[in-house]
Protein backbone atom coordinates (compact mmCIF):
# COMPACT_ATOMS: atom_id res chain seq x y z
CA MET A 1 270.62 358.64 156.75
CA ASP A 2 270.21 355.32 155.01
CA ALA A 3 267.06 355.45 152.82
CA VAL A 4 266.22 351.79 153.40
CA GLN A 5 266.46 352.19 157.17
CA LEU A 6 264.29 355.31 157.03
CA ALA A 7 261.64 353.55 154.92
CA THR A 8 261.70 350.62 157.36
CA PHE A 9 261.21 353.01 160.28
CA GLN A 10 258.17 354.52 158.52
CA ALA A 11 256.74 351.05 157.88
CA VAL A 12 257.08 350.14 161.58
CA ILE A 13 255.22 353.26 162.72
CA GLU A 14 252.49 352.92 160.07
CA GLY A 15 252.05 349.19 160.65
CA GLY A 16 252.32 349.38 164.42
CA SER A 17 254.78 346.50 164.78
CA PHE A 18 258.01 345.04 163.46
CA GLU A 19 256.06 342.05 162.11
CA ALA A 20 253.64 344.24 160.14
CA ALA A 21 256.56 346.21 158.69
CA ALA A 22 258.25 342.94 157.70
CA ARG A 23 255.13 341.82 155.81
CA THR A 24 254.90 345.19 154.02
CA LEU A 25 258.57 345.18 153.04
CA HIS A 26 258.74 341.42 152.30
CA VAL A 27 261.65 340.86 154.70
CA THR A 28 262.01 339.07 158.03
CA PRO A 29 261.19 340.72 161.39
CA SER A 30 264.85 340.22 162.27
CA ALA A 31 265.90 342.33 159.27
CA VAL A 32 263.48 345.05 160.34
CA SER A 33 264.88 345.01 163.87
CA GLN A 34 268.46 345.26 162.59
CA ARG A 35 267.61 348.24 160.36
CA ILE A 36 265.86 350.08 163.18
CA LYS A 37 268.78 349.48 165.55
CA ALA A 38 271.22 350.74 162.91
CA LEU A 39 269.13 353.87 162.32
CA GLU A 40 268.89 354.56 166.06
CA GLN A 41 272.67 354.16 166.37
CA ALA A 42 273.22 356.57 163.47
CA VAL A 43 270.89 359.18 164.99
CA GLY A 44 272.02 358.57 168.56
CA GLN A 45 268.45 358.42 169.88
CA VAL A 46 265.78 355.81 170.56
CA LEU A 47 263.28 356.34 167.76
CA VAL A 48 260.70 353.59 168.34
CA ARG A 49 258.75 352.99 171.52
CA ARG A 50 258.46 349.19 171.60
CA ALA A 51 254.80 348.90 172.60
CA LYS A 52 251.56 347.61 171.08
CA PRO A 53 251.29 349.38 168.74
CA CYS A 54 254.83 350.67 168.20
CA GLU A 55 255.02 354.46 168.35
CA ALA A 56 257.62 357.03 167.42
CA THR A 57 259.39 358.64 170.35
CA GLU A 58 259.57 362.43 170.47
CA ALA A 59 262.95 362.19 168.72
CA GLY A 60 261.48 359.88 166.10
CA GLN A 61 258.46 362.03 165.18
CA ALA A 62 260.49 364.35 162.96
CA LEU A 63 261.87 361.33 161.12
CA VAL A 64 258.37 359.94 160.49
CA ARG A 65 257.51 363.18 158.70
CA LEU A 66 260.85 363.17 156.85
CA ALA A 67 260.33 359.59 155.67
CA GLY A 68 256.85 360.41 154.41
CA GLN A 69 258.05 363.54 152.61
CA ILE A 70 260.93 361.68 150.94
CA ALA A 71 258.55 358.93 149.77
CA LEU A 72 256.09 361.49 148.37
CA LEU A 73 258.74 363.55 146.60
CA GLU A 74 260.41 360.43 145.22
CA ARG A 75 257.11 359.22 143.78
CA GLU A 76 256.37 362.59 142.18
CA ALA A 77 259.89 362.86 140.76
CA LEU A 78 259.68 359.38 139.22
CA ALA A 79 256.27 360.19 137.74
CA ALA A 80 257.66 363.36 136.16
CA ALA A 81 260.72 361.52 134.82
CA ARG A 82 258.59 358.76 133.31
CA GLY A 83 255.96 361.14 131.99
CA VAL A 84 253.23 359.11 133.69
CA PRO A 85 250.70 361.09 135.82
CA GLY A 86 250.77 359.84 139.39
CA GLY A 87 253.51 357.37 138.51
CA GLY A 88 250.95 354.99 137.06
CA GLY A 89 249.25 354.38 140.43
CA ARG A 90 247.57 356.16 143.30
CA THR A 91 249.37 358.21 145.92
CA ARG A 92 248.02 357.63 149.43
CA ILE A 93 247.48 360.75 151.55
CA SER A 94 246.96 360.63 155.32
CA VAL A 95 244.63 363.36 156.63
CA VAL A 96 243.12 363.93 160.09
CA VAL A 97 239.73 365.65 160.25
CA ASN A 98 237.26 366.55 162.98
CA ALA A 99 234.02 364.52 162.97
CA ASP A 100 231.63 367.31 161.96
CA SER A 101 233.76 368.38 158.99
CA LEU A 102 234.03 364.76 157.92
CA HIS A 103 230.25 364.38 158.23
CA THR A 104 229.44 367.57 156.30
CA TRP A 105 231.84 369.23 153.84
CA PHE A 106 235.16 367.36 153.78
CA LEU A 107 234.18 364.27 151.77
CA PRO A 108 232.67 366.47 149.02
CA ALA A 109 236.06 368.24 148.92
CA LEU A 110 237.81 364.93 148.24
CA ALA A 111 235.22 364.08 145.59
CA ALA A 112 235.90 367.43 143.89
CA LEU A 113 239.60 366.70 143.39
CA PRO A 114 240.80 366.46 139.78
CA ALA A 115 241.33 362.97 138.35
CA GLU A 116 245.08 363.56 138.19
CA PRO A 117 247.11 363.07 140.24
CA ALA A 118 245.27 359.90 141.28
CA LEU A 119 244.92 359.72 145.07
CA SER A 120 243.72 357.40 147.78
CA PHE A 121 243.28 358.46 151.40
CA GLU A 122 243.82 357.32 154.95
CA LEU A 123 241.41 359.43 156.98
CA HIS A 124 241.77 359.83 160.73
CA GLN A 125 239.11 361.39 162.96
CA ASP A 126 239.71 363.41 166.09
CA ASP A 127 238.38 366.44 167.92
CA GLN A 128 239.24 369.71 166.14
CA ASP A 129 241.24 370.82 169.18
CA HIS A 130 243.41 367.70 168.93
CA THR A 131 243.71 366.93 165.19
CA ALA A 132 247.09 368.66 164.92
CA GLU A 133 248.62 366.04 167.24
CA LEU A 134 248.95 363.57 164.35
CA LEU A 135 250.79 366.26 162.38
CA ARG A 136 253.25 366.61 165.24
CA ALA A 137 253.66 362.84 165.32
CA GLY A 138 254.41 362.89 161.59
CA THR A 139 251.72 360.33 160.75
CA ALA A 140 249.36 362.78 159.01
CA MET A 141 250.30 364.95 156.03
CA ALA A 142 247.47 367.44 156.58
CA ALA A 143 244.78 368.28 159.12
CA VAL A 144 241.56 370.21 159.57
CA THR A 145 242.18 371.75 162.98
CA ALA A 146 241.12 374.50 165.35
CA GLN A 147 244.78 375.28 166.07
CA HIS A 148 245.95 378.40 164.24
CA VAL A 149 249.60 378.16 165.26
CA ALA A 150 251.51 376.15 162.66
CA VAL A 151 252.95 372.83 163.79
CA GLN A 152 256.71 372.70 163.19
CA GLY A 153 257.37 371.85 159.56
CA CYS A 154 253.83 372.75 158.44
CA ARG A 155 251.96 375.61 156.78
CA VAL A 156 248.63 376.87 158.10
CA GLU A 157 245.77 378.56 156.24
CA LYS A 158 242.39 379.67 157.57
CA LEU A 159 239.38 377.82 156.17
CA GLY A 160 236.50 379.63 157.89
CA ALA A 161 234.31 378.93 160.90
CA MET A 162 231.85 376.11 161.53
CA ARG A 163 228.74 377.48 163.24
CA TYR A 164 226.89 375.36 165.79
CA LEU A 165 223.40 375.74 167.24
CA ALA A 166 222.09 374.24 170.49
CA VAL A 167 219.07 372.05 169.75
CA ALA A 168 216.85 369.39 171.29
CA ALA A 169 213.82 367.39 170.21
CA PRO A 170 210.46 369.16 170.72
CA GLY A 171 209.07 368.47 174.17
CA HIS A 172 212.29 366.91 175.47
CA PHE A 173 214.04 369.96 176.95
CA THR A 174 213.40 370.91 180.56
CA GLY A 175 216.40 373.20 181.04
CA PHE A 176 220.18 373.19 180.62
CA ALA A 177 220.64 372.03 184.21
CA THR A 178 218.33 369.00 184.04
CA THR A 179 218.20 367.80 180.42
CA PRO A 180 221.01 365.35 179.55
CA MET A 181 223.82 367.03 177.61
CA LEU A 182 225.05 365.03 174.64
CA VAL A 183 228.83 365.00 174.22
CA PHE A 184 230.77 363.37 171.39
CA ASN A 185 233.60 362.09 173.61
CA ARG A 186 235.70 363.27 176.52
CA LYS A 187 237.68 365.59 174.27
CA ASP A 188 234.51 367.37 173.11
CA ARG A 189 234.03 370.74 174.86
CA LEU A 190 231.54 372.39 172.50
CA GLN A 191 228.54 372.06 174.82
CA HIS A 192 230.56 373.28 177.81
CA ARG A 193 231.82 376.27 175.84
CA PHE A 194 228.27 377.17 174.82
CA LEU A 195 227.08 377.05 178.43
CA GLU A 196 229.99 379.31 179.39
CA ALA A 197 228.99 381.74 176.62
CA LEU A 198 225.47 381.82 178.10
CA GLY A 199 226.89 382.54 181.54
CA ARG A 200 225.85 379.07 182.73
CA GLY A 201 229.30 377.50 182.93
CA ASP A 202 228.68 376.50 186.54
CA LEU A 203 226.03 373.95 185.52
CA GLU A 204 226.77 370.24 185.72
CA PRO A 205 224.01 368.55 183.73
CA PRO A 206 223.90 364.77 183.24
CA VAL A 207 226.07 363.73 180.28
CA THR A 208 225.46 361.15 177.57
CA TYR A 209 228.37 360.27 175.27
CA VAL A 210 227.58 359.53 171.61
CA PRO A 211 230.87 359.10 169.67
CA ALA A 212 229.63 359.26 166.05
CA ALA A 213 228.45 362.32 164.12
CA HIS A 214 225.35 360.76 162.53
CA ALA A 215 224.39 358.96 165.74
CA PHE A 216 224.88 362.20 167.70
CA VAL A 217 222.31 364.02 165.55
CA GLU A 218 219.96 361.04 165.66
CA ALA A 219 220.19 360.90 169.46
CA ILE A 220 219.03 364.52 169.63
CA ARG A 221 216.12 363.80 167.27
CA LEU A 222 215.07 360.87 169.46
CA GLY A 223 214.97 363.06 172.56
CA LEU A 224 217.99 361.62 174.36
CA GLY A 225 219.32 365.08 175.20
CA TRP A 226 220.46 368.42 173.82
CA GLY A 227 223.64 369.19 171.94
CA MET A 228 225.50 371.43 169.53
CA ILE A 229 225.23 370.46 165.85
CA PRO A 230 226.39 372.21 162.65
CA GLU A 231 224.13 375.05 161.54
CA GLN A 232 223.05 373.54 158.21
CA THR A 233 221.84 370.32 159.84
CA ALA A 234 220.28 372.23 162.72
CA ARG A 235 218.34 374.59 160.40
CA GLU A 236 217.00 371.66 158.37
CA ASP A 237 215.83 369.84 161.51
CA ILE A 238 214.25 372.97 162.98
CA ALA A 239 212.40 373.66 159.72
CA ALA A 240 211.19 370.04 159.59
CA GLY A 241 210.02 370.14 163.22
CA ARG A 242 212.52 367.50 164.33
CA SER A 243 214.23 369.85 166.79
CA VAL A 244 213.97 373.27 168.40
CA ASP A 245 216.53 376.04 168.80
CA LEU A 246 217.28 376.28 172.51
CA ALA A 247 218.81 379.76 172.36
CA PRO A 248 217.47 381.72 169.35
CA GLY A 249 220.01 384.25 168.14
CA ARG A 250 222.86 382.53 169.97
CA HIS A 251 225.43 380.25 168.38
CA LEU A 252 229.00 379.02 168.71
CA ASP A 253 231.51 379.61 165.90
CA ILE A 254 234.58 377.35 165.77
CA PRO A 255 237.35 378.67 163.47
CA LEU A 256 238.96 375.92 161.40
CA TYR A 257 242.38 375.87 159.77
CA TRP A 258 244.14 373.70 157.20
CA GLN A 259 247.62 372.63 158.25
CA TYR A 260 249.81 370.62 155.90
CA TRP A 261 253.44 369.66 155.37
CA ARG A 262 255.61 372.57 154.27
CA MET A 263 256.98 371.15 151.03
CA GLU A 264 256.62 371.66 147.30
CA SER A 265 254.34 368.79 146.32
CA THR A 266 251.92 368.57 143.40
CA VAL A 267 249.66 366.30 145.43
CA LEU A 268 249.48 368.52 148.50
CA THR A 269 249.01 371.63 146.37
CA ALA A 270 246.05 370.08 144.54
CA LEU A 271 244.51 368.87 147.80
CA THR A 272 244.99 372.22 149.52
CA THR A 273 243.46 374.18 146.62
CA THR A 274 240.36 371.99 146.53
CA VAL A 275 239.88 371.85 150.31
CA LYS A 276 240.06 375.65 150.56
CA ALA A 277 237.61 376.12 147.70
CA VAL A 278 234.99 373.75 149.12
CA ALA A 279 235.44 375.08 152.66
CA ALA A 280 234.87 378.63 151.39
CA GLY A 281 231.38 377.63 150.33
CA ALA A 282 230.58 375.48 153.37
CA LEU A 283 231.99 377.48 156.28
CA ARG A 284 231.39 381.01 157.47
């Protein structure tokens, strides 16, 4: 495949439109359109879903990953040839992480990375049961995910389990059936899974959606409802009297895995090593 056409395809998917890709590549939208049409003719498949934003079709997803891998390997090869760490600039890495990991241990993992190679990051947030979807789409190089089966073209390694406790503010819990249940978003099933583990899966309590990790914890502290929060935060709040454990001795463990592109890359190796080391100390 033509390298210029492949890079243009990647720019369209990352930018979300032909116009954004044109600005990134310093060419006209017409030139972008011609390159995409030529690439689709060469492959024999429609690769771009012309929508707002533009998305890769199922056939195009493998090419998004290929384009990203070629760009990363090319950058690392040039850096090695020139003898300049990181090629003299920063390599951008796209990672998708679940909200609680992002709020607790993942940012310290990025901060613990060595100075070289120099990196910058594009972080995406999604539910741990859905983070691997961006890997399948080719738009993320790595993911913290609850899915243990490797996405095609990726490696998977176990990180540990994030433990959650069910808590509520003192004096604001009248029962699992009547107290509002806080839920991160409509993908979040932690609270439902905990009720099922208690044998109360038939309950249908009122639901309040709070789609931000810090705000979720704060909503519990303010008495807006009960919810599942990471053990470390829960223990600190219980000790400080800000919340109470609703089911002493009971918890919910969510196994987490690190999935990343299956390729020999200095950048991905360094990131993987650091993420695993920090996760070992933060997860069970």
